[in-house]
Amino acid sequence: MCIGKGSISLMGPDLSRMRVLPVIDVWPGMELNTLVFSYGLMLALPLALVIHDVVTNRRLHPVTLLGIPGLFIGLKIVSSEVPGTEIGQAVIRLL
């Protein structure tokens, strides 16, 4: 079960590459289907984990209690702070 919990943080890039909804350009390089699908599922996966813990164990597992907030805090730090650093800029230029 711990493998599944850790895999949620790795799903963002995969989910953003999936094309299941009609493409509507929001701004150059970002379509509406990418926003709805990838961010929607990134929120749904931890929610499914919480539901699974409550149904099977009747309580939240300690890893779930620490991992889900850690996931969102980590995503916020990576998306807002890292691009402003020199290393973040170098990675962006490489991409």
PDB file of N, CA and C in Angstrom:
ATOM      1  N   MET A   1       0.804  -1.196   0.000  1.00  0.00           N
ATOM      2  CA  MET A   1       0.000   0.000   0.000  1.00  0.00           C
ATOM      3  C   MET A   1       0.849   1.262   0.000  1.00  0.00           C
ATOM      4  N   CYS A   2       2.004   1.239   0.639  1.00  0.00           N
ATOM      5  CA  CYS A   2       2.848   2.430   0.675  1.00  0.00           C
ATOM      6  C   CYS A   2       3.350   2.800  -0.712  1.00  0.00           C
ATOM      7  N   ILE A   3       3.523   1.803  -1.580  1.00  0.00           N
ATOM      8  CA  ILE A   3       3.963   2.093  -2.941  1.00  0.00           C
ATOM      9  C   ILE A   3       2.917   2.931  -3.652  1.00  0.00           C
ATOM     10  N   GLY A   4       1.646   2.606  -3.480  1.00  0.00           N
ATOM     11  CA  GLY A   4       0.572   3.367  -4.106  1.00  0.00           C
ATOM     12  C   GLY A   4       0.506   4.788  -3.583  1.00  0.00           C
ATOM     13  N   LYS A   5       0.736   4.964  -2.290  1.00  0.00           N
ATOM     14  CA  LYS A   5       0.680   6.293  -1.701  1.00  0.00           C
ATOM     15  C   LYS A   5       1.800   7.175  -2.234  1.00  0.00           C
ATOM     16  N   GLY A   6       2.969   6.606  -2.417  1.00  0.00           N
ATOM     17  CA  GLY A   6       4.091   7.383  -2.935  1.00  0.00           C
ATOM     18  C   GLY A   6       3.970   7.672  -4.418  1.00  0.00           C
ATOM     19  N   SER A   7       3.239   6.856  -5.128  1.00  0.00           N
ATOM     20  CA  SER A   7       3.113   7.027  -6.578  1.00  0.00           C
ATOM     21  C   SER A   7       2.234   8.206  -6.960  1.00  0.00           C
ATOM     22  N   ILE A   8       1.382   8.655  -6.065  1.00  0.00           N
ATOM     23  CA  ILE A   8       0.495   9.772  -6.385  1.00  0.00           C
ATOM     24  C   ILE A   8       1.302  11.007  -6.759  1.00  0.00           C
ATOM     25  N   SER A   9       2.404  11.240  -6.090  1.00  0.00           N
ATOM     26  CA  SER A   9       3.205  12.437  -6.369  1.00  0.00           C
ATOM     27  C   SER A   9       3.877  12.370  -7.729  1.00  0.00           C
ATOM     28  N   LEU A  10       3.989  11.196  -8.303  1.00  0.00           N
ATOM     29  CA  LEU A  10       4.626  11.035  -9.614  1.00  0.00           C
ATOM     30  C   LEU A  10       3.641  11.103 -10.772  1.00  0.00           C
ATOM     31  N   MET A  11       2.363  11.223 -10.506  1.00  0.00           N
ATOM     32  CA  MET A  11       1.343  11.132 -11.543  1.00  0.00           C
ATOM     33  C   MET A  11       1.114  12.429 -12.319  1.00  0.00           C
ATOM     34  N   GLY A  12       1.517  13.578 -11.785  1.00  0.00           N
ATOM     35  CA  GLY A  12       1.241  14.861 -12.431  1.00  0.00           C
ATOM     36  C   GLY A  12       1.676  14.954 -13.882  1.00  0.00           C
ATOM     37  N   PRO A  13       2.942  14.681 -14.202  1.00  0.00           N
ATOM     38  CA  PRO A  13       3.364  14.768 -15.599  1.00  0.00           C
ATOM     39  C   PRO A  13       2.628  13.783 -16.513  1.00  0.00           C
ATOM     40  N   ASP A  14       2.357  12.587 -16.003  1.00  0.00           N
ATOM     41  CA  ASP A  14       1.638  11.615 -16.819  1.00  0.00           C
ATOM     42  C   ASP A  14       0.210  12.060 -17.090  1.00  0.00           C
ATOM     43  N   LEU A  15      -0.443  12.567 -16.088  1.00  0.00           N
ATOM     44  CA  LEU A  15      -1.818  13.006 -16.256  1.00  0.00           C
ATOM     45  C   LEU A  15      -1.917  14.205 -17.192  1.00  0.00           C
ATOM     46  N   SER A  16      -0.932  15.083 -17.156  1.00  0.00           N
ATOM     47  CA  SER A  16      -0.990  16.267 -18.017  1.00  0.00           C
ATOM     48  C   SER A  16      -0.757  15.926 -19.481  1.00  0.00           C
ATOM     49  N   ARG A  17      -0.192  14.758 -19.765  1.00  0.00           N
ATOM     50  CA  ARG A  17       0.025  14.349 -21.155  1.00  0.00           C
ATOM     51  C   ARG A  17      -1.180  13.656 -21.773  1.00  0.00           C
ATOM     52  N   MET A  18      -2.122  13.255 -20.953  1.00  0.00           N
ATOM     53  CA  MET A  18      -3.291  12.545 -21.463  1.00  0.00           C
ATOM     54  C   MET A  18      -4.240  13.523 -22.140  1.00  0.00           C
ATOM     55  N   ARG A  19      -4.784  13.116 -23.248  1.00  0.00           N
ATOM     56  CA  ARG A  19      -5.711  13.951 -24.012  1.00  0.00           C
ATOM     57  C   ARG A  19      -7.054  13.230 -24.099  1.00  0.00           C
ATOM     58  N   VAL A  20      -7.945  13.509 -23.160  1.00  0.00           N
ATOM     59  CA  VAL A  20      -9.230  12.831 -23.155  1.00  0.00           C
ATOM     60  C   VAL A  20     -10.393  13.797 -23.382  1.00  0.00           C
ATOM     61  N   LEU A  21     -10.186  15.071 -23.168  1.00  0.00           N
ATOM     62  CA  LEU A  21     -11.224  16.058 -23.368  1.00  0.00           C
ATOM     63  C   LEU A  21     -10.909  16.884 -24.614  1.00  0.00           C
ATOM     64  N   PRO A  22     -11.918  17.512 -25.205  1.00  0.00           N
ATOM     65  CA  PRO A  22     -11.625  18.396 -26.340  1.00  0.00           C
ATOM     66  C   PRO A  22     -10.671  19.515 -25.919  1.00  0.00           C
ATOM     67  N   VAL A  23      -9.777  19.871 -26.809  1.00  0.00           N
ATOM     68  CA  VAL A  23      -8.765  20.880 -26.502  1.00  0.00           C
ATOM     69  C   VAL A  23      -9.354  22.274 -26.668  1.00  0.00           C
ATOM     70  N   ILE A  24      -9.250  23.077 -25.625  1.00  0.00           N
ATOM     71  CA  ILE A  24      -9.640  24.483 -25.661  1.00  0.00           C
ATOM     72  C   ILE A  24      -8.446  25.266 -25.166  1.00  0.00           C
ATOM     73  N   ASP A  25      -7.887  26.129 -26.004  1.00  0.00           N
ATOM     74  CA  ASP A  25      -6.708  26.897 -25.616  1.00  0.00           C
ATOM     75  C   ASP A  25      -7.081  27.955 -24.583  1.00  0.00           C
ATOM     76  N   VAL A  26      -6.425  27.900 -23.434  1.00  0.00           N
ATOM     77  CA  VAL A  26      -6.609  28.901 -22.391  1.00  0.00           C
ATOM     78  C   VAL A  26      -5.583  30.004 -22.587  1.00  0.00           C
ATOM     79  N   TRP A  27      -4.332  29.625 -22.768  1.00  0.00           N
ATOM     80  CA  TRP A  27      -3.248  30.512 -23.144  1.00  0.00           C
ATOM     81  C   TRP A  27      -2.237  29.661 -23.884  1.00  0.00           C
ATOM     82  N   PRO A  28      -1.286  30.269 -24.588  1.00  0.00           N
ATOM     83  CA  PRO A  28      -0.355  29.469 -25.385  1.00  0.00           C
ATOM     84  C   PRO A  28       0.368  28.413 -24.562  1.00  0.00           C
ATOM     85  N   GLY A  29       0.283  27.179 -25.011  1.00  0.00           N
ATOM     86  CA  GLY A  29       0.957  26.080 -24.348  1.00  0.00           C
ATOM     87  C   GLY A  29       0.160  25.404 -23.247  1.00  0.00           C
ATOM     88  N   MET A  30      -1.005  25.913 -22.906  1.00  0.00           N
ATOM     89  CA  MET A  30      -1.811  25.299 -21.859  1.00  0.00           C
ATOM     90  C   MET A  30      -3.261  25.245 -22.323  1.00  0.00           C
ATOM     91  N   GLU A  31      -3.772  24.021 -22.456  1.00  0.00           N
ATOM     92  CA  GLU A  31      -5.149  23.859 -22.879  1.00  0.00           C
ATOM     93  C   GLU A  31      -6.029  23.555 -21.680  1.00  0.00           C
ATOM     94  N   LEU A  32      -7.320  23.780 -21.846  1.00  0.00           N
ATOM     95  CA  LEU A  32      -8.271  23.553 -20.763  1.00  0.00           C
ATOM     96  C   LEU A  32      -8.311  22.094 -20.349  1.00  0.00           C
ATOM     97  N   ASN A  33      -8.208  21.161 -21.312  1.00  0.00           N
ATOM     98  CA  ASN A  33      -8.283  19.750 -20.928  1.00  0.00           C
ATOM     99  C   ASN A  33      -7.113  19.356 -20.040  1.00  0.00           C
ATOM    100  N   THR A  34      -5.949  19.950 -20.245  1.00  0.00           N
ATOM    101  CA  THR A  34      -4.798  19.665 -19.391  1.00  0.00           C
ATOM    102  C   THR A  34      -5.072  20.142 -17.964  1.00  0.00           C
ATOM    103  N   LEU A  35      -5.615  21.346 -17.829  1.00  0.00           N
ATOM    104  CA  LEU A  35      -5.908  21.884 -16.511  1.00  0.00           C
ATOM    105  C   LEU A  35      -6.953  21.049 -15.783  1.00  0.00           C
ATOM    106  N   VAL A  36      -8.059  20.787 -16.459  1.00  0.00           N
ATOM    107  CA  VAL A  36      -9.163  20.078 -15.821  1.00  0.00           C
ATOM    108  C   VAL A  36      -8.759  18.653 -15.474  1.00  0.00           C
ATOM    109  N   PHE A  37      -8.161  17.963 -16.416  1.00  0.00           N
ATOM    110  CA  PHE A  37      -7.880  16.549 -16.210  1.00  0.00           C
ATOM    111  C   PHE A  37      -6.740  16.324 -15.228  1.00  0.00           C
ATOM    112  N   SER A  38      -5.604  16.988 -15.449  1.00  0.00           N
ATOM    113  CA  SER A  38      -4.457  16.706 -14.588  1.00  0.00           C
ATOM    114  C   SER A  38      -4.668  17.218 -13.170  1.00  0.00           C
ATOM    115  N   TYR A  39      -5.163  18.444 -13.003  1.00  0.00           N
ATOM    116  CA  TYR A  39      -5.373  18.953 -11.659  1.00  0.00           C
ATOM    117  C   TYR A  39      -6.565  18.277 -10.980  1.00  0.00           C
ATOM    118  N   GLY A  40      -7.581  17.954 -11.745  1.00  0.00           N
ATOM    119  CA  GLY A  40      -8.726  17.241 -11.184  1.00  0.00           C
ATOM    120  C   GLY A  40      -8.333  15.883 -10.644  1.00  0.00           C
ATOM    121  N   LEU A  41      -7.544  15.137 -11.408  1.00  0.00           N
ATOM    122  CA  LEU A  41      -7.115  13.829 -10.934  1.00  0.00           C
ATOM    123  C   LEU A  41      -6.075  13.931  -9.833  1.00  0.00           C
ATOM    124  N   MET A  42      -5.249  14.963  -9.853  1.00  0.00           N
ATOM    125  CA  MET A  42      -4.283  15.132  -8.767  1.00  0.00           C
ATOM    126  C   MET A  42      -5.007  15.398  -7.440  1.00  0.00           C
ATOM    127  N   LEU A  43      -6.209  15.949  -7.509  1.00  0.00           N
ATOM    128  CA  LEU A  43      -7.010  16.116  -6.294  1.00  0.00           C
ATOM    129  C   LEU A  43      -7.821  14.859  -5.983  1.00  0.00           C
ATOM    130  N   ALA A  44      -8.251  14.140  -7.027  1.00  0.00           N
ATOM    131  CA  ALA A  44      -9.084  12.955  -6.831  1.00  0.00           C
ATOM    132  C   ALA A  44      -8.284  11.774  -6.271  1.00  0.00           C
ATOM    133  N   LEU A  45      -7.036  11.629  -6.645  1.00  0.00           N
ATOM    134  CA  LEU A  45      -6.248  10.495  -6.167  1.00  0.00           C
ATOM    135  C   LEU A  45      -6.049  10.514  -4.648  1.00  0.00           C
ATOM    136  N   PRO A  46      -5.645  11.633  -4.043  1.00  0.00           N
ATOM    137  CA  PRO A  46      -5.562  11.650  -2.575  1.00  0.00           C
ATOM    138  C   PRO A  46      -6.934  11.463  -1.910  1.00  0.00           C
ATOM    139  N   LEU A  47      -7.976  11.994  -2.536  1.00  0.00           N
ATOM    140  CA  LEU A  47      -9.315  11.800  -1.989  1.00  0.00           C
ATOM    141  C   LEU A  47      -9.690  10.319  -2.010  1.00  0.00           C
ATOM    142  N   ALA A  48      -9.360   9.620  -3.082  1.00  0.00           N
ATOM    143  CA  ALA A  48      -9.613   8.182  -3.156  1.00  0.00           C
ATOM    144  C   ALA A  48      -8.833   7.439  -2.080  1.00  0.00           C
ATOM    145  N   LEU A  49      -7.644   7.883  -1.796  1.00  0.00           N
ATOM    146  CA  LEU A  49      -6.833   7.269  -0.747  1.00  0.00           C
ATOM    147  C   LEU A  49      -7.469   7.456   0.632  1.00  0.00           C
ATOM    148  N   VAL A  50      -7.981   8.644   0.884  1.00  0.00           N
ATOM    149  CA  VAL A  50      -8.668   8.915   2.149  1.00  0.00           C
ATOM    150  C   VAL A  50      -9.906   8.027   2.268  1.00  0.00           C
ATOM    151  N   ILE A  51     -10.679   7.932   1.198  1.00  0.00           N
ATOM    152  CA  ILE A  51     -11.876   7.085   1.213  1.00  0.00           C
ATOM    153  C   ILE A  51     -11.490   5.631   1.453  1.00  0.00           C
ATOM    154  N   HIS A  52     -10.442   5.168   0.801  1.00  0.00           N
ATOM    155  CA  HIS A  52      -9.989   3.790   0.997  1.00  0.00           C
ATOM    156  C   HIS A  52      -9.587   3.541   2.449  1.00  0.00           C
ATOM    157  N   ASP A  53      -8.839   4.450   3.033  1.00  0.00           N
ATOM    158  CA  ASP A  53      -8.417   4.285   4.428  1.00  0.00           C
ATOM    159  C   ASP A  53      -9.610   4.237   5.376  1.00  0.00           C
ATOM    160  N   VAL A  54     -10.577   5.121   5.153  1.00  0.00           N
ATOM    161  CA  VAL A  54     -11.734   5.182   6.042  1.00  0.00           C
ATOM    162  C   VAL A  54     -12.598   3.927   5.891  1.00  0.00           C
ATOM    163  N   VAL A  55     -12.767   3.449   4.667  1.00  0.00           N
ATOM    164  CA  VAL A  55     -13.602   2.266   4.451  1.00  0.00           C
ATOM    165  C   VAL A  55     -12.922   1.002   4.979  1.00  0.00           C
ATOM    166  N   THR A  56     -11.630   0.838   4.711  1.00  0.00           N
ATOM    167  CA  THR A  56     -10.962  -0.403   5.100  1.00  0.00           C
ATOM    168  C   THR A  56     -10.516  -0.415   6.557  1.00  0.00           C
ATOM    169  N   ASN A  57     -10.024   0.705   7.062  1.00  0.00           N
ATOM    170  CA  ASN A  57      -9.470   0.745   8.428  1.00  0.00           C
ATOM    171  C   ASN A  57     -10.341   1.497   9.426  1.00  0.00           C
ATOM    172  N   ARG A  58     -11.364   2.168   8.939  1.00  0.00           N
ATOM    173  CA  ARG A  58     -12.231   3.017   9.761  1.00  0.00           C
ATOM    174  C   ARG A  58     -11.481   4.202  10.372  1.00  0.00           C
ATOM    175  N   ARG A  59     -10.325   4.502   9.850  1.00  0.00           N
ATOM    176  CA  ARG A  59      -9.536   5.661  10.282  1.00  0.00           C
ATOM    177  C   ARG A  59      -8.513   5.960   9.188  1.00  0.00           C
ATOM    178  N   LEU A  60      -7.908   7.135   9.266  1.00  0.00           N
ATOM    179  CA  LEU A  60      -6.859   7.489   8.304  1.00  0.00           C
ATOM    180  C   LEU A  60      -5.533   6.909   8.767  1.00  0.00           C
ATOM    181  N   HIS A  61      -4.803   6.371   7.841  1.00  0.00           N
ATOM    182  CA  HIS A  61      -3.470   5.844   8.131  1.00  0.00           C
ATOM    183  C   HIS A  61      -2.545   7.022   8.409  1.00  0.00           C
ATOM    184  N   PRO A  62      -1.583   6.882   9.319  1.00  0.00           N
ATOM    185  CA  PRO A  62      -0.661   7.992   9.610  1.00  0.00           C
ATOM    186  C   PRO A  62       0.097   8.486   8.377  1.00  0.00           C
ATOM    187  N   VAL A  63       0.427   7.586   7.466  1.00  0.00           N
ATOM    188  CA  VAL A  63       1.113   8.018   6.244  1.00  0.00           C
ATOM    189  C   VAL A  63       0.212   8.915   5.414  1.00  0.00           C
ATOM    190  N   THR A  64      -1.073   8.613   5.386  1.00  0.00           N
ATOM    191  CA  THR A  64      -2.024   9.455   4.660  1.00  0.00           C
ATOM    192  C   THR A  64      -2.131  10.823   5.318  1.00  0.00           C
ATOM    193  N   LEU A  65      -2.187  10.844   6.634  1.00  0.00           N
ATOM    194  CA  LEU A  65      -2.301  12.110   7.361  1.00  0.00           C
ATOM    195  C   LEU A  65      -1.107  13.028   7.123  1.00  0.00           C
ATOM    196  N   LEU A  66       0.074  12.466   6.999  1.00  0.00           N
ATOM    197  CA  LEU A  66       1.273  13.270   6.756  1.00  0.00           C
ATOM    198  C   LEU A  66       1.558  13.445   5.274  1.00  0.00           C
ATOM    199  N   GLY A  67       1.249  12.440   4.483  1.00  0.00           N
ATOM    200  CA  GLY A  67       1.629  12.447   3.081  1.00  0.00           C
ATOM    201  C   GLY A  67       0.842  13.388   2.205  1.00  0.00           C
ATOM    202  N   ILE A  68      -0.464  13.469   2.401  1.00  0.00           N
ATOM    203  CA  ILE A  68      -1.283  14.323   1.535  1.00  0.00           C
ATOM    204  C   ILE A  68      -0.945  15.799   1.731  1.00  0.00           C
ATOM    205  N   PRO A  69      -0.884  16.310   2.962  1.00  0.00           N
ATOM    206  CA  PRO A  69      -0.439  17.707   3.095  1.00  0.00           C
ATOM    207  C   PRO A  69       0.988  17.906   2.583  1.00  0.00           C
ATOM    208  N   GLY A  70       1.861  16.931   2.817  1.00  0.00           N
ATOM    209  CA  GLY A  70       3.230  17.034   2.304  1.00  0.00           C
ATOM    210  C   GLY A  70       3.276  17.088   0.788  1.00  0.00           C
ATOM    211  N   LEU A  71       2.392  16.322   0.139  1.00  0.00           N
ATOM    212  CA  LEU A  71       2.309  16.339  -1.322  1.00  0.00           C
ATOM    213  C   LEU A  71       1.957  17.726  -1.835  1.00  0.00           C
ATOM    214  N   PHE A  72       0.917  18.319  -1.267  1.00  0.00           N
ATOM    215  CA  PHE A  72       0.474  19.632  -1.744  1.00  0.00           C
ATOM    216  C   PHE A  72       1.448  20.748  -1.369  1.00  0.00           C
ATOM    217  N   ILE A  73       2.072  20.662  -0.213  1.00  0.00           N
ATOM    218  CA  ILE A  73       3.089  21.652   0.159  1.00  0.00           C
ATOM    219  C   ILE A  73       4.287  21.538  -0.774  1.00  0.00           C
ATOM    220  N   GLY A  74       4.701  20.306  -1.058  1.00  0.00           N
ATOM    221  CA  GLY A  74       5.824  20.100  -1.982  1.00  0.00           C
ATOM    222  C   GLY A  74       5.529  20.606  -3.378  1.00  0.00           C
ATOM    223  N   LEU A  75       4.306  20.341  -3.874  1.00  0.00           N
ATOM    224  CA  LEU A  75       3.932  20.831  -5.202  1.00  0.00           C
ATOM    225  C   LEU A  75       3.914  22.355  -5.247  1.00  0.00           C
ATOM    226  N   LYS A  76       3.439  22.975  -4.171  1.00  0.00           N
ATOM    227  CA  LYS A  76       3.412  24.440  -4.116  1.00  0.00           C
ATOM    228  C   LYS A  76       4.828  25.018  -4.120  1.00  0.00           C
ATOM    229  N   ILE A  77       5.719  24.421  -3.345  1.00  0.00           N
ATOM    230  CA  ILE A  77       7.102  24.902  -3.299  1.00  0.00           C
ATOM    231  C   ILE A  77       7.769  24.735  -4.655  1.00  0.00           C
ATOM    232  N   VAL A  78       7.591  23.572  -5.244  1.00  0.00           N
ATOM    233  CA  VAL A  78       8.240  23.313  -6.535  1.00  0.00           C
ATOM    234  C   VAL A  78       7.690  24.222  -7.619  1.00  0.00           C
ATOM    235  N   SER A  79       6.378  24.460  -7.621  1.00  0.00           N
ATOM    236  CA  SER A  79       5.800  25.262  -8.701  1.00  0.00           C
ATOM    237  C   SER A  79       6.002  26.763  -8.517  1.00  0.00           C
ATOM    238  N   SER A  80       6.188  27.231  -7.284  1.00  0.00           N
ATOM    239  CA  SER A  80       6.313  28.675  -7.091  1.00  0.00           C
ATOM    240  C   SER A  80       7.730  29.139  -6.783  1.00  0.00           C
ATOM    241  N   GLU A  81       8.505  28.347  -6.085  1.00  0.00           N
ATOM    242  CA  GLU A  81       9.825  28.789  -5.650  1.00  0.00           C
ATOM    243  C   GLU A  81      10.957  28.355  -6.580  1.00  0.00           C
ATOM    244  N   VAL A  82      10.914  27.137  -7.055  1.00  0.00           N
ATOM    245  CA  VAL A  82      12.019  26.606  -7.850  1.00  0.00           C
ATOM    246  C   VAL A  82      12.223  27.361  -9.164  1.00  0.00           C
ATOM    247  N   PRO A  83      11.162  27.746  -9.903  1.00  0.00           N
ATOM    248  CA  PRO A  83      11.407  28.471 -11.157  1.00  0.00           C
ATOM    249  C   PRO A  83      12.144  29.799 -10.981  1.00  0.00           C
ATOM    250  N   GLY A  84      12.112  30.382  -9.800  1.00  0.00           N
ATOM    251  CA  GLY A  84      12.796  31.638  -9.562  1.00  0.00           C
ATOM    252  C   GLY A  84      14.275  31.483  -9.234  1.00  0.00           C
ATOM    253  N   THR A  85      14.742  30.265  -9.035  1.00  0.00           N
ATOM    254  CA  THR A  85      16.144  30.045  -8.713  1.00  0.00           C
ATOM    255  C   THR A  85      16.966  29.898  -9.984  1.00  0.00           C
ATOM    256  N   GLU A  86      18.268  30.021  -9.843  1.00  0.00           N
ATOM    257  CA  GLU A  86      19.146  29.874 -11.000  1.00  0.00           C
ATOM    258  C   GLU A  86      19.089  28.479 -11.576  1.00  0.00           C
ATOM    259  N   ILE A  87      19.081  27.479 -10.717  1.00  0.00           N
ATOM    260  CA  ILE A  87      18.996  26.101 -11.186  1.00  0.00           C
ATOM    261  C   ILE A  87      17.667  25.850 -11.884  1.00  0.00           C
ATOM    262  N   GLY A  88      16.582  26.385 -11.316  1.00  0.00           N
ATOM    263  CA  GLY A  88      15.260  26.242 -11.943  1.00  0.00           C
ATOM    264  C   GLY A  88      15.230  26.881 -13.315  1.00  0.00           C
ATOM    265  N   GLN A  89      15.834  28.059 -13.457  1.00  0.00           N
ATOM    266  CA  GLN A  89      15.894  28.722 -14.764  1.00  0.00           C
ATOM    267  C   GLN A  89      16.707  27.922 -15.757  1.00  0.00           C
ATOM    268  N   ALA A  90      17.802  27.311 -15.297  1.00  0.00           N
ATOM    269  CA  ALA A  90      18.626  26.486 -16.188  1.00  0.00           C
ATOM    270  C   ALA A  90      17.855  25.272 -16.687  1.00  0.00           C
ATOM    271  N   VAL A  91      17.097  24.648 -15.798  1.00  0.00           N
ATOM    272  CA  VAL A  91      16.282  23.486 -16.205  1.00  0.00           C
ATOM    273  C   VAL A  91      15.219  23.913 -17.208  1.00  0.00           C
ATOM    274  N   ILE A  92      14.578  25.050 -16.965  1.00  0.00           N
ATOM    275  CA  ILE A  92      13.548  25.548 -17.895  1.00  0.00           C
ATOM    276  C   ILE A  92      14.152  25.819 -19.266  1.00  0.00           C
ATOM    277  N   ARG A  93      15.353  26.409 -19.309  1.00  0.00           N
ATOM    278  CA  ARG A  93      16.005  26.675 -20.609  1.00  0.00           C
ATOM    279  C   ARG A  93      16.366  25.378 -21.306  1.00  0.00           C
ATOM    280  N   LEU A  94      16.751  24.350 -20.547  1.00  0.00           N
ATOM    281  CA  LEU A  94      17.062  23.063 -21.157  1.00  0.00           C
ATOM    282  C   LEU A  94      15.831  22.407 -21.767  1.00  0.00           C
ATOM    283  N   LEU A  95      14.683  22.609 -21.162  1.00  0.00           N
ATOM    284  CA  LEU A  95      13.465  22.006 -21.678  1.00  0.00           C
ATOM    285  C   LEU A  95      13.000  22.716 -22.913  1.00  0.00           C
TER     286      LEU A  95
END
